[in-house]
Amino acid sequence: MKKQRATRVLRILKAARKLLEPRGAWTQGSAARNLYGERVDPLLSASESWCLYGAIEKAGSKSVLDRRNALQAIENEIPHERHITYWNDRPSRRKGQVLKLLDKAIEAAS
């Protein structure tokens, strides 16, 4: 990955982590939810919580290629699950695991 693109991917990963850090900011079963728990587009200002995929969408909303690269950086850290949506939505999944996964992807991209 070229240096500029790698820097943008790293920025997206860090921004996604920041989105998911606050209490109640992570969700399952939808890319994003509003204050009432209803499914919404992750790019809408009404979105209050995001799944891992939705957080990447929100954090990297300006570049499809950079979002794809950020998603790939995360998927590289979960070899037994080829798509982060399935990984995020496992019933046993916890927010702490999601943040740790982002930390691993951030470290690998640094």
PDB file of N, CA and C in Angstrom:
ATOM      1  N   MET A   1       0.839  -1.163   0.000  1.00  0.00           N
ATOM      2  CA  MET A   1       0.000   0.000   0.000  1.00  0.00           C
ATOM      3  C   MET A   1       0.895   1.240   0.000  1.00  0.00           C
ATOM      4  N   LYS A   2       0.562   2.204  -0.807  1.00  0.00           N
ATOM      5  CA  LYS A   2       1.348   3.427  -0.863  1.00  0.00           C
ATOM      6  C   LYS A   2       1.231   4.173   0.455  1.00  0.00           C
ATOM      7  N   LYS A   3       2.261   4.980   0.747  1.00  0.00           N
ATOM      8  CA  LYS A   3       2.327   5.655   2.038  1.00  0.00           C
ATOM      9  C   LYS A   3       1.115   6.555   2.309  1.00  0.00           C
ATOM     10  N   GLN A   4       0.702   7.354   1.340  1.00  0.00           N
ATOM     11  CA  GLN A   4      -0.455   8.232   1.543  1.00  0.00           C
ATOM     12  C   GLN A   4      -1.727   7.437   1.809  1.00  0.00           C
ATOM     13  N   ARG A   5      -1.914   6.374   1.035  1.00  0.00           N
ATOM     14  CA  ARG A   5      -3.101   5.538   1.222  1.00  0.00           C
ATOM     15  C   ARG A   5      -3.046   4.854   2.581  1.00  0.00           C
ATOM     16  N   ALA A   6      -1.865   4.365   2.962  1.00  0.00           N
ATOM     17  CA  ALA A   6      -1.712   3.723   4.264  1.00  0.00           C
ATOM     18  C   ALA A   6      -2.035   4.699   5.392  1.00  0.00           C
ATOM     19  N   THR A   7      -1.638   5.950   5.227  1.00  0.00           N
ATOM     20  CA  THR A   7      -1.932   6.978   6.225  1.00  0.00           C
ATOM     21  C   THR A   7      -3.434   7.220   6.313  1.00  0.00           C
ATOM     22  N   ARG A   8      -4.117   7.243   5.185  1.00  0.00           N
ATOM     23  CA  ARG A   8      -5.567   7.446   5.183  1.00  0.00           C
ATOM     24  C   ARG A   8      -6.290   6.254   5.815  1.00  0.00           C
ATOM     25  N   VAL A   9      -5.817   5.051   5.523  1.00  0.00           N
ATOM     26  CA  VAL A   9      -6.408   3.846   6.110  1.00  0.00           C
ATOM     27  C   VAL A   9      -6.217   3.868   7.627  1.00  0.00           C
ATOM     28  N   LEU A  10      -5.047   4.227   8.071  1.00  0.00           N
ATOM     29  CA  LEU A  10      -4.777   4.324   9.504  1.00  0.00           C
ATOM     30  C   LEU A  10      -5.705   5.352  10.159  1.00  0.00           C
ATOM     31  N   ARG A  11      -5.915   6.477   9.485  1.00  0.00           N
ATOM     32  CA  ARG A  11      -6.823   7.507   9.996  1.00  0.00           C
ATOM     33  C   ARG A  11      -8.238   6.960  10.122  1.00  0.00           C
ATOM     34  N   ILE A  12      -8.697   6.201   9.127  1.00  0.00           N
ATOM     35  CA  ILE A  12     -10.036   5.616   9.161  1.00  0.00           C
ATOM     36  C   ILE A  12     -10.164   4.630  10.318  1.00  0.00           C
ATOM     37  N   LEU A  13      -9.178   3.772  10.486  1.00  0.00           N
ATOM     38  CA  LEU A  13      -9.212   2.789  11.573  1.00  0.00           C
ATOM     39  C   LEU A  13      -9.276   3.479  12.933  1.00  0.00           C
ATOM     40  N   LYS A  14      -8.466   4.517  13.114  1.00  0.00           N
ATOM     41  CA  LYS A  14      -8.465   5.247  14.385  1.00  0.00           C
ATOM     42  C   LYS A  14      -9.784   5.982  14.604  1.00  0.00           C
ATOM     43  N   ALA A  15     -10.327   6.568  13.545  1.00  0.00           N
ATOM     44  CA  ALA A  15     -11.604   7.284  13.656  1.00  0.00           C
ATOM     45  C   ALA A  15     -12.741   6.312  13.970  1.00  0.00           C
ATOM     46  N   ALA A  16     -12.714   5.133  13.369  1.00  0.00           N
ATOM     47  CA  ALA A  16     -13.743   4.126  13.652  1.00  0.00           C
ATOM     48  C   ALA A  16     -13.662   3.692  15.112  1.00  0.00           C
ATOM     49  N   ARG A  17     -12.457   3.508  15.610  1.00  0.00           N
ATOM     50  CA  ARG A  17     -12.300   3.128  17.016  1.00  0.00           C
ATOM     51  C   ARG A  17     -12.859   4.212  17.931  1.00  0.00           C
ATOM     52  N   LYS A  18     -12.560   5.461  17.604  1.00  0.00           N
ATOM     53  CA  LYS A  18     -13.057   6.581  18.403  1.00  0.00           C
ATOM     54  C   LYS A  18     -14.586   6.632  18.399  1.00  0.00           C
ATOM     55  N   LEU A  19     -15.203   6.336  17.247  1.00  0.00           N
ATOM     56  CA  LEU A  19     -16.666   6.297  17.162  1.00  0.00           C
ATOM     57  C   LEU A  19     -17.255   5.246  18.098  1.00  0.00           C
ATOM     58  N   LEU A  20     -16.587   4.095  18.189  1.00  0.00           N
ATOM     59  CA  LEU A  20     -17.122   2.969  18.946  1.00  0.00           C
ATOM     60  C   LEU A  20     -16.794   3.005  20.432  1.00  0.00           C
ATOM     61  N   GLU A  21     -15.890   3.864  20.857  1.00  0.00           N
ATOM     62  CA  GLU A  21     -15.450   3.897  22.256  1.00  0.00           C
ATOM     63  C   GLU A  21     -16.541   4.256  23.272  1.00  0.00           C
ATOM     64  N   PRO A  22     -17.356   5.270  23.037  1.00  0.00           N
ATOM     65  CA  PRO A  22     -18.324   5.667  24.073  1.00  0.00           C
ATOM     66  C   PRO A  22     -19.321   4.548  24.409  1.00  0.00           C
ATOM     67  N   ARG A  23     -19.810   4.587  25.630  1.00  0.00           N
ATOM     68  CA  ARG A  23     -20.826   3.624  26.067  1.00  0.00           C
ATOM     69  C   ARG A  23     -22.030   3.708  25.119  1.00  0.00           C
ATOM     70  N   GLY A  24     -22.492   2.558  24.654  1.00  0.00           N
ATOM     71  CA  GLY A  24     -23.664   2.500  23.786  1.00  0.00           C
ATOM     72  C   GLY A  24     -23.398   2.787  22.318  1.00  0.00           C
ATOM     73  N   ALA A  25     -22.132   2.986  21.941  1.00  0.00           N
ATOM     74  CA  ALA A  25     -21.817   3.356  20.554  1.00  0.00           C
ATOM     75  C   ALA A  25     -21.641   2.162  19.626  1.00  0.00           C
ATOM     76  N   TRP A  26     -21.594   0.956  20.159  1.00  0.00           N
ATOM     77  CA  TRP A  26     -21.425  -0.246  19.336  1.00  0.00           C
ATOM     78  C   TRP A  26     -22.751  -0.988  19.259  1.00  0.00           C
ATOM     79  N   THR A  27     -23.050  -1.543  18.087  1.00  0.00           N
ATOM     80  CA  THR A  27     -24.280  -2.311  17.906  1.00  0.00           C
ATOM     81  C   THR A  27     -24.009  -3.565  17.102  1.00  0.00           C
ATOM     82  N   GLN A  28     -25.003  -4.411  17.047  1.00  0.00           N
ATOM     83  CA  GLN A  28     -24.975  -5.626  16.232  1.00  0.00           C
ATOM     84  C   GLN A  28     -26.265  -5.687  15.424  1.00  0.00           C
ATOM     85  N   GLY A  29     -26.217  -6.398  14.300  1.00  0.00           N
ATOM     86  CA  GLY A  29     -27.419  -6.628  13.507  1.00  0.00           C
ATOM     87  C   GLY A  29     -27.818  -5.496  12.573  1.00  0.00           C
ATOM     88  N   SER A  30     -27.058  -4.448  12.558  1.00  0.00           N
ATOM     89  CA  SER A  30     -27.327  -3.312  11.683  1.00  0.00           C
ATOM     90  C   SER A  30     -26.041  -2.511  11.540  1.00  0.00           C
ATOM     91  N   ALA A  31     -25.863  -1.875  10.399  1.00  0.00           N
ATOM     92  CA  ALA A  31     -24.671  -1.037  10.209  1.00  0.00           C
ATOM     93  C   ALA A  31     -24.673   0.133  11.185  1.00  0.00           C
ATOM     94  N   ALA A  32     -25.875   0.647  11.488  1.00  0.00           N
ATOM     95  CA  ALA A  32     -25.997   1.761  12.441  1.00  0.00           C
ATOM     96  C   ALA A  32     -27.417   1.812  12.987  1.00  0.00           C
ATOM     97  N   ARG A  33     -27.541   2.462  14.124  1.00  0.00           N
ATOM     98  CA  ARG A  33     -28.849   2.656  14.753  1.00  0.00           C
ATOM     99  C   ARG A  33     -28.947   4.090  15.260  1.00  0.00           C
ATOM    100  N   ASN A  34     -30.177   4.578  15.322  1.00  0.00           N
ATOM    101  CA  ASN A  34     -30.402   5.925  15.867  1.00  0.00           C
ATOM    102  C   ASN A  34     -30.623   5.833  17.381  1.00  0.00           C
ATOM    103  N   LEU A  35     -30.972   6.937  17.989  1.00  0.00           N
ATOM    104  CA  LEU A  35     -31.180   7.022  19.432  1.00  0.00           C
ATOM    105  C   LEU A  35     -32.245   6.046  19.926  1.00  0.00           C
ATOM    106  N   TYR A  36     -33.189   5.706  19.060  1.00  0.00           N
ATOM    107  CA  TYR A  36     -34.285   4.815  19.426  1.00  0.00           C
ATOM    108  C   TYR A  36     -34.003   3.348  19.100  1.00  0.00           C
ATOM    109  N   GLY A  37     -32.800   3.062  18.615  1.00  0.00           N
ATOM    110  CA  GLY A  37     -32.434   1.699  18.279  1.00  0.00           C
ATOM    111  C   GLY A  37     -32.904   1.254  16.908  1.00  0.00           C
ATOM    112  N   GLU A  38     -33.433   2.181  16.127  1.00  0.00           N
ATOM    113  CA  GLU A  38     -33.903   1.857  14.784  1.00  0.00           C
ATOM    114  C   GLU A  38     -32.723   1.835  13.812  1.00  0.00           C
ATOM    115  N   ARG A  39     -32.800   0.958  12.832  1.00  0.00           N
ATOM    116  CA  ARG A  39     -31.755   0.867  11.813  1.00  0.00           C
ATOM    117  C   ARG A  39     -31.728   2.132  10.972  1.00  0.00           C
ATOM    118  N   VAL A  40     -30.523   2.664  10.775  1.00  0.00           N
ATOM    119  CA  VAL A  40     -30.344   3.847   9.930  1.00  0.00           C
ATOM    120  C   VAL A  40     -29.065   3.686   9.125  1.00  0.00           C
ATOM    121  N   ASP A  41     -28.920   4.508   8.115  1.00  0.00           N
ATOM    122  CA  ASP A  41     -27.696   4.548   7.322  1.00  0.00           C
ATOM    123  C   ASP A  41     -26.561   5.034   8.221  1.00  0.00           C
ATOM    124  N   PRO A  42     -25.402   4.371   8.179  1.00  0.00           N
ATOM    125  CA  PRO A  42     -24.293   4.774   9.055  1.00  0.00           C
ATOM    126  C   PRO A  42     -23.756   6.177   8.782  1.00  0.00           C
ATOM    127  N   LEU A  43     -24.062   6.734   7.610  1.00  0.00           N
ATOM    128  CA  LEU A  43     -23.557   8.065   7.282  1.00  0.00           C
ATOM    129  C   LEU A  43     -24.472   9.188   7.768  1.00  0.00           C
ATOM    130  N   LEU A  44     -25.677   8.843   8.184  1.00  0.00           N
ATOM    131  CA  LEU A  44     -26.619   9.862   8.641  1.00  0.00           C
ATOM    132  C   LEU A  44     -26.191  10.460   9.982  1.00  0.00           C
ATOM    133  N   SER A  45     -26.491  11.729  10.157  1.00  0.00           N
ATOM    134  CA  SER A  45     -26.167  12.373  11.432  1.00  0.00           C
ATOM    135  C   SER A  45     -27.003  11.790  12.568  1.00  0.00           C
ATOM    136  N   ALA A  46     -28.115  11.136  12.246  1.00  0.00           N
ATOM    137  CA  ALA A  46     -28.972  10.521  13.258  1.00  0.00           C
ATOM    138  C   ALA A  46     -28.370   9.239  13.831  1.00  0.00           C
ATOM    139  N   SER A  47     -27.331   8.716  13.200  1.00  0.00           N
ATOM    140  CA  SER A  47     -26.741   7.477  13.701  1.00  0.00           C
ATOM    141  C   SER A  47     -26.031   7.746  15.029  1.00  0.00           C
ATOM    142  N   GLU A  48     -26.335   6.883  15.998  1.00  0.00           N
ATOM    143  CA  GLU A  48     -25.796   7.010  17.354  1.00  0.00           C
ATOM    144  C   GLU A  48     -24.900   5.837  17.723  1.00  0.00           C
ATOM    145  N   SER A  49     -25.097   4.701  17.050  1.00  0.00           N
ATOM    146  CA  SER A  49     -24.265   3.521  17.302  1.00  0.00           C
ATOM    147  C   SER A  49     -24.018   2.816  15.976  1.00  0.00           C
ATOM    148  N   TRP A  50     -22.897   2.081  15.918  1.00  0.00           N
ATOM    149  CA  TRP A  50     -22.464   1.449  14.679  1.00  0.00           C
ATOM    150  C   TRP A  50     -21.930   0.065  14.964  1.00  0.00           C
ATOM    151  N   CYS A  51     -22.074  -0.825  13.988  1.00  0.00           N
ATOM    152  CA  CYS A  51     -21.322  -2.076  14.041  1.00  0.00           C
ATOM    153  C   CYS A  51     -19.924  -1.736  13.517  1.00  0.00           C
ATOM    154  N   LEU A  52     -19.034  -2.685  13.538  1.00  0.00           N
ATOM    155  CA  LEU A  52     -17.672  -2.425  13.080  1.00  0.00           C
ATOM    156  C   LEU A  52     -17.663  -1.960  11.625  1.00  0.00           C
ATOM    157  N   TYR A  53     -18.439  -2.632  10.783  1.00  0.00           N
ATOM    158  CA  TYR A  53     -18.521  -2.247   9.377  1.00  0.00           C
ATOM    159  C   TYR A  53     -19.076  -0.828   9.230  1.00  0.00           C
ATOM    160  N   GLY A  54     -20.150  -0.529   9.952  1.00  0.00           N
ATOM    161  CA  GLY A  54     -20.764   0.795   9.889  1.00  0.00           C
ATOM    162  C   GLY A  54     -19.829   1.896  10.359  1.00  0.00           C
ATOM    163  N   ALA A  55     -19.018   1.591  11.379  1.00  0.00           N
ATOM    164  CA  ALA A  55     -18.047   2.582  11.875  1.00  0.00           C
ATOM    165  C   ALA A  55     -16.990   2.886  10.816  1.00  0.00           C
ATOM    166  N   ILE A  56     -16.563   1.860  10.079  1.00  0.00           N
ATOM    167  CA  ILE A  56     -15.601   2.085   8.988  1.00  0.00           C
ATOM    168  C   ILE A  56     -16.257   2.917   7.890  1.00  0.00           C
ATOM    169  N   GLU A  57     -17.510   2.607   7.575  1.00  0.00           N
ATOM    170  CA  GLU A  57     -18.231   3.387   6.560  1.00  0.00           C
ATOM    171  C   GLU A  57     -18.298   4.861   6.967  1.00  0.00           C
ATOM    172  N   LYS A  58     -18.675   5.111   8.206  1.00  0.00           N
ATOM    173  CA  LYS A  58     -18.805   6.485   8.706  1.00  0.00           C
ATOM    174  C   LYS A  58     -17.447   7.190   8.725  1.00  0.00           C
ATOM    175  N   ALA A  59     -16.432   6.501   9.214  1.00  0.00           N
ATOM    176  CA  ALA A  59     -15.107   7.114   9.351  1.00  0.00           C
ATOM    177  C   ALA A  59     -14.432   7.369   8.007  1.00  0.00           C
ATOM    178  N   GLY A  60     -14.754   6.555   7.008  1.00  0.00           N
ATOM    179  CA  GLY A  60     -14.100   6.688   5.709  1.00  0.00           C
ATOM    180  C   GLY A  60     -15.045   7.069   4.602  1.00  0.00           C
ATOM    181  N   SER A  61     -16.044   7.858   4.916  1.00  0.00           N
ATOM    182  CA  SER A  61     -17.126   8.131   3.974  1.00  0.00           C
ATOM    183  C   SER A  61     -16.702   8.840   2.693  1.00  0.00           C
ATOM    184  N   LYS A  62     -15.505   9.400   2.639  1.00  0.00           N
ATOM    185  CA  LYS A  62     -15.106  10.156   1.453  1.00  0.00           C
ATOM    186  C   LYS A  62     -14.451   9.322   0.357  1.00  0.00           C
ATOM    187  N   SER A  63     -13.951   8.137   0.694  1.00  0.00           N
ATOM    188  CA  SER A  63     -13.232   7.356  -0.303  1.00  0.00           C
ATOM    189  C   SER A  63     -13.583   5.872  -0.225  1.00  0.00           C
ATOM    190  N   VAL A  64     -14.195   5.376  -1.281  1.00  0.00           N
ATOM    191  CA  VAL A  64     -14.551   3.961  -1.346  1.00  0.00           C
ATOM    192  C   VAL A  64     -13.296   3.092  -1.281  1.00  0.00           C
ATOM    193  N   LEU A  65     -12.252   3.449  -1.991  1.00  0.00           N
ATOM    194  CA  LEU A  65     -11.031   2.656  -1.995  1.00  0.00           C
ATOM    195  C   LEU A  65     -10.381   2.621  -0.615  1.00  0.00           C
ATOM    196  N   ASP A  66     -10.332   3.745   0.062  1.00  0.00           N
ATOM    197  CA  ASP A  66      -9.746   3.774   1.404  1.00  0.00           C
ATOM    198  C   ASP A  66     -10.585   2.951   2.380  1.00  0.00           C
ATOM    199  N   ARG A  67     -11.909   3.003   2.247  1.00  0.00           N
ATOM    200  CA  ARG A  67     -12.774   2.175   3.101  1.00  0.00           C
ATOM    201  C   ARG A  67     -12.508   0.700   2.844  1.00  0.00           C
ATOM    202  N   ARG A  68     -12.416   0.329   1.589  1.00  0.00           N
ATOM    203  CA  ARG A  68     -12.137  -1.081   1.259  1.00  0.00           C
ATOM    204  C   ARG A  68     -10.810  -1.525   1.867  1.00  0.00           C
ATOM    205  N   ASN A  69      -9.809  -0.672   1.776  1.00  0.00           N
ATOM    206  CA  ASN A  69      -8.504  -1.011   2.344  1.00  0.00           C
ATOM    207  C   ASN A  69      -8.557  -1.109   3.870  1.00  0.00           C
ATOM    208  N   ALA A  70      -9.335  -0.249   4.498  1.00  0.00           N
ATOM    209  CA  ALA A  70      -9.496  -0.317   5.957  1.00  0.00           C
ATOM    210  C   ALA A  70     -10.222  -1.608   6.347  1.00  0.00           C
ATOM    211  N   LEU A  71     -11.258  -1.969   5.601  1.00  0.00           N
ATOM    212  CA  LEU A  71     -11.973  -3.219   5.852  1.00  0.00           C
ATOM    213  C   LEU A  71     -11.047  -4.412   5.673  1.00  0.00           C
ATOM    214  N   GLN A  72     -10.205  -4.362   4.646  1.00  0.00           N
ATOM    215  CA  GLN A  72      -9.261  -5.444   4.412  1.00  0.00           C
ATOM    216  C   GLN A  72      -8.253  -5.548   5.551  1.00  0.00           C
ATOM    217  N   ALA A  73      -7.804  -4.402   6.063  1.00  0.00           N
ATOM    218  CA  ALA A  73      -6.862  -4.403   7.195  1.00  0.00           C
ATOM    219  C   ALA A  73      -7.472  -5.095   8.408  1.00  0.00           C
ATOM    220  N   ILE A  74      -8.763  -4.893   8.621  1.00  0.00           N
ATOM    221  CA  ILE A  74      -9.445  -5.556   9.736  1.00  0.00           C
ATOM    222  C   ILE A  74      -9.618  -7.041   9.447  1.00  0.00           C
ATOM    223  N   GLU A  75     -10.073  -7.366   8.245  1.00  0.00           N
ATOM    224  CA  GLU A  75     -10.292  -8.766   7.889  1.00  0.00           C
ATOM    225  C   GLU A  75      -9.000  -9.574   7.927  1.00  0.00           C
ATOM    226  N   ASN A  76      -7.870  -8.933   7.686  1.00  0.00           N
ATOM    227  CA  ASN A  76      -6.583  -9.625   7.794  1.00  0.00           C
ATOM    228  C   ASN A  76      -6.308 -10.091   9.218  1.00  0.00           C
ATOM    229  N   GLU A  77      -6.937  -9.461  10.190  1.00  0.00           N
ATOM    230  CA  GLU A  77      -6.737  -9.806  11.599  1.00  0.00           C
ATOM    231  C   GLU A  77      -7.733 -10.854  12.105  1.00  0.00           C
ATOM    232  N   ILE A  78      -8.695 -11.254  11.279  1.00  0.00           N
ATOM    233  CA  ILE A  78      -9.666 -12.287  11.662  1.00  0.00           C
ATOM    234  C   ILE A  78      -9.668 -13.388  10.601  1.00  0.00           C
ATOM    235  N   PRO A  79      -8.616 -14.207  10.580  1.00  0.00           N
ATOM    236  CA  PRO A  79      -8.442 -15.189   9.503  1.00  0.00           C
ATOM    237  C   PRO A  79      -9.531 -16.250   9.409  1.00  0.00           C
ATOM    238  N   HIS A  80     -10.232 -16.547  10.484  1.00  0.00           N
ATOM    239  CA  HIS A  80     -11.244 -17.602  10.429  1.00  0.00           C
ATOM    240  C   HIS A  80     -12.617 -17.079  10.010  1.00  0.00           C
ATOM    241  N   GLU A  81     -12.732 -15.794   9.870  1.00  0.00           N
ATOM    242  CA  GLU A  81     -13.996 -15.168   9.494  1.00  0.00           C
ATOM    243  C   GLU A  81     -13.677 -14.180   8.381  1.00  0.00           C
ATOM    244  N   ARG A  82     -14.195 -14.392   7.207  1.00  0.00           N
ATOM    245  CA  ARG A  82     -13.793 -13.573   6.071  1.00  0.00           C
ATOM    246  C   ARG A  82     -14.580 -12.285   5.894  1.00  0.00           C
ATOM    247  N   HIS A  83     -15.543 -12.014   6.724  1.00  0.00           N
ATOM    248  CA  HIS A  83     -16.235 -10.727   6.611  1.00  0.00           C
ATOM    249  C   HIS A  83     -16.528 -10.203   8.008  1.00  0.00           C
ATOM    250  N   ILE A  84     -16.220  -8.946   8.228  1.00  0.00           N
ATOM    251  CA  ILE A  84     -16.348  -8.397   9.578  1.00  0.00           C
ATOM    252  C   ILE A  84     -17.797  -8.326  10.058  1.00  0.00           C
ATOM    253  N   THR A  85     -18.754  -8.278   9.154  1.00  0.00           N
ATOM    254  CA  THR A  85     -20.151  -8.240   9.577  1.00  0.00           C
ATOM    255  C   THR A  85     -20.517  -9.505  10.338  1.00  0.00           C
ATOM    256  N   TYR A  86     -20.127 -10.664   9.814  1.00  0.00           N
ATOM    257  CA  TYR A  86     -20.405 -11.927  10.497  1.00  0.00           C
ATOM    258  C   TYR A  86     -19.665 -11.978  11.824  1.00  0.00           C
ATOM    259  N   TRP A  87     -18.424 -11.535  11.823  1.00  0.00           N
ATOM    260  CA  TRP A  87     -17.614 -11.537  13.045  1.00  0.00           C
ATOM    261  C   TRP A  87     -18.267 -10.629  14.091  1.00  0.00           C
ATOM    262  N   ASN A  88     -18.628  -9.421  13.711  1.00  0.00           N
ATOM    263  CA  ASN A  88     -19.241  -8.449  14.623  1.00  0.00           C
ATOM    264  C   ASN A  88     -20.557  -8.966  15.204  1.00  0.00           C
ATOM    265  N   ASP A  89     -21.350  -9.655  14.381  1.00  0.00           N
ATOM    266  CA  ASP A  89     -22.703 -10.024  14.778  1.00  0.00           C
ATOM    267  C   ASP A  89     -22.818 -11.372  15.488  1.00  0.00           C
ATOM    268  N   ARG A  90     -21.716 -12.032  15.745  1.00  0.00           N
ATOM    269  CA  ARG A  90     -21.791 -13.280  16.520  1.00  0.00           C
ATOM    270  C   ARG A  90     -22.432 -12.968  17.869  1.00  0.00           C
ATOM    271  N   PRO A  91     -23.386 -13.778  18.307  1.00  0.00           N
ATOM    272  CA  PRO A  91     -24.056 -13.498  19.582  1.00  0.00           C
ATOM    273  C   PRO A  91     -23.099 -13.378  20.776  1.00  0.00           C
ATOM    274  N   SER A  92     -21.998 -14.087  20.733  1.00  0.00           N
ATOM    275  CA  SER A  92     -21.046 -14.056  21.856  1.00  0.00           C
ATOM    276  C   SER A  92     -20.072 -12.870  21.779  1.00  0.00           C
ATOM    277  N   ARG A  93     -20.131 -12.097  20.707  1.00  0.00           N
ATOM    278  CA  ARG A  93     -19.194 -10.982  20.510  1.00  0.00           C
ATOM    279  C   ARG A  93     -19.458  -9.883  21.524  1.00  0.00           C
ATOM    280  N   ARG A  94     -18.384  -9.278  22.013  1.00  0.00           N
ATOM    281  CA  ARG A  94     -18.472  -8.171  22.961  1.00  0.00           C
ATOM    282  C   ARG A  94     -17.716  -6.962  22.423  1.00  0.00           C
ATOM    283  N   LYS A  95     -18.117  -5.808  22.865  1.00  0.00           N
ATOM    284  CA  LYS A  95     -17.514  -4.560  22.403  1.00  0.00           C
ATOM    285  C   LYS A  95     -16.001  -4.546  22.640  1.00  0.00           C
ATOM    286  N   GLY A  96     -15.554  -5.040  23.771  1.00  0.00           N
ATOM    287  CA  GLY A  96     -14.121  -5.073  24.055  1.00  0.00           C
ATOM    288  C   GLY A  96     -13.340  -5.835  23.000  1.00  0.00           C
ATOM    289  N   GLN A  97     -13.924  -6.908  22.474  1.00  0.00           N
ATOM    290  CA  GLN A  97     -13.279  -7.682  21.415  1.00  0.00           C
ATOM    291  C   GLN A  97     -13.182  -6.867  20.130  1.00  0.00           C
ATOM    292  N   VAL A  98     -14.212  -6.085  19.862  1.00  0.00           N
ATOM    293  CA  VAL A  98     -14.221  -5.240  18.665  1.00  0.00           C
ATOM    294  C   VAL A  98     -13.120  -4.188  18.764  1.00  0.00           C
ATOM    295  N   LEU A  99     -13.010  -3.555  19.915  1.00  0.00           N
ATOM    296  CA  LEU A  99     -11.973  -2.535  20.099  1.00  0.00           C
ATOM    297  C   LEU A  99     -10.572  -3.149  20.030  1.00  0.00           C
ATOM    298  N   LYS A 100     -10.404  -4.351  20.576  1.00  0.00           N
ATOM    299  CA  LYS A 100      -9.103  -5.032  20.499  1.00  0.00           C
ATOM    300  C   LYS A 100      -8.745  -5.366  19.051  1.00  0.00           C
ATOM    301  N   LEU A 101      -9.745  -5.793  18.284  1.00  0.00           N
ATOM    302  CA  LEU A 101      -9.509  -6.083  16.873  1.00  0.00           C
ATOM    303  C   LEU A 101      -9.062  -4.814  16.133  1.00  0.00           C
ATOM    304  N   LEU A 102      -9.727  -3.718  16.402  1.00  0.00           N
ATOM    305  CA  LEU A 102      -9.322  -2.440  15.790  1.00  0.00           C
ATOM    306  C   LEU A 102      -7.904  -2.066  16.213  1.00  0.00           C
ATOM    307  N   ASP A 103      -7.567  -2.291  17.468  1.00  0.00           N
ATOM    308  CA  ASP A 103      -6.213  -2.009  17.938  1.00  0.00           C
ATOM    309  C   ASP A 103      -5.182  -2.832  17.175  1.00  0.00           C
ATOM    310  N   LYS A 104      -5.494  -4.118  16.938  1.00  0.00           N
ATOM    311  CA  LYS A 104      -4.580  -4.969  16.174  1.00  0.00           C
ATOM    312  C   LYS A 104      -4.422  -4.466  14.742  1.00  0.00           C
ATOM    313  N   ALA A 105      -5.529  -4.079  14.127  1.00  0.00           N
ATOM    314  CA  ALA A 105      -5.474  -3.562  12.747  1.00  0.00           C
ATOM    315  C   ALA A 105      -4.706  -2.248  12.689  1.00  0.00           C
ATOM    316  N   ILE A 106      -4.902  -1.399  13.685  1.00  0.00           N
ATOM    317  CA  ILE A 106      -4.172  -0.129  13.750  1.00  0.00           C
ATOM    318  C   ILE A 106      -2.672  -0.377  13.899  1.00  0.00           C
ATOM    319  N   GLU A 107      -2.334  -1.296  14.774  1.00  0.00           N
ATOM    320  CA  GLU A 107      -0.917  -1.623  14.965  1.00  0.00           C
ATOM    321  C   GLU A 107      -0.294  -2.192  13.685  1.00  0.00           C
ATOM    322  N   ALA A 108      -1.013  -3.065  13.014  1.00  0.00           N
ATOM    323  CA  ALA A 108      -0.502  -3.663  11.774  1.00  0.00           C
ATOM    324  C   ALA A 108      -0.359  -2.618  10.674  1.00  0.00           C
ATOM    325  N   ALA A 109      -1.241  -1.608  10.661  1.00  0.00           N
ATOM    326  CA  ALA A 109      -1.204  -0.579   9.626  1.00  0.00           C
ATOM    327  C   ALA A 109      -0.188   0.531   9.923  1.00  0.00           C
ATOM    328  N   SER A 110       0.283   0.566  11.155  1.00  0.00           N
ATOM    329  CA  SER A 110       1.231   1.638  11.553  1.00  0.00           C
ATOM    330  C   SER A 110       2.632   1.400  11.015  1.00  0.00           C
TER     331      SER A 110
END
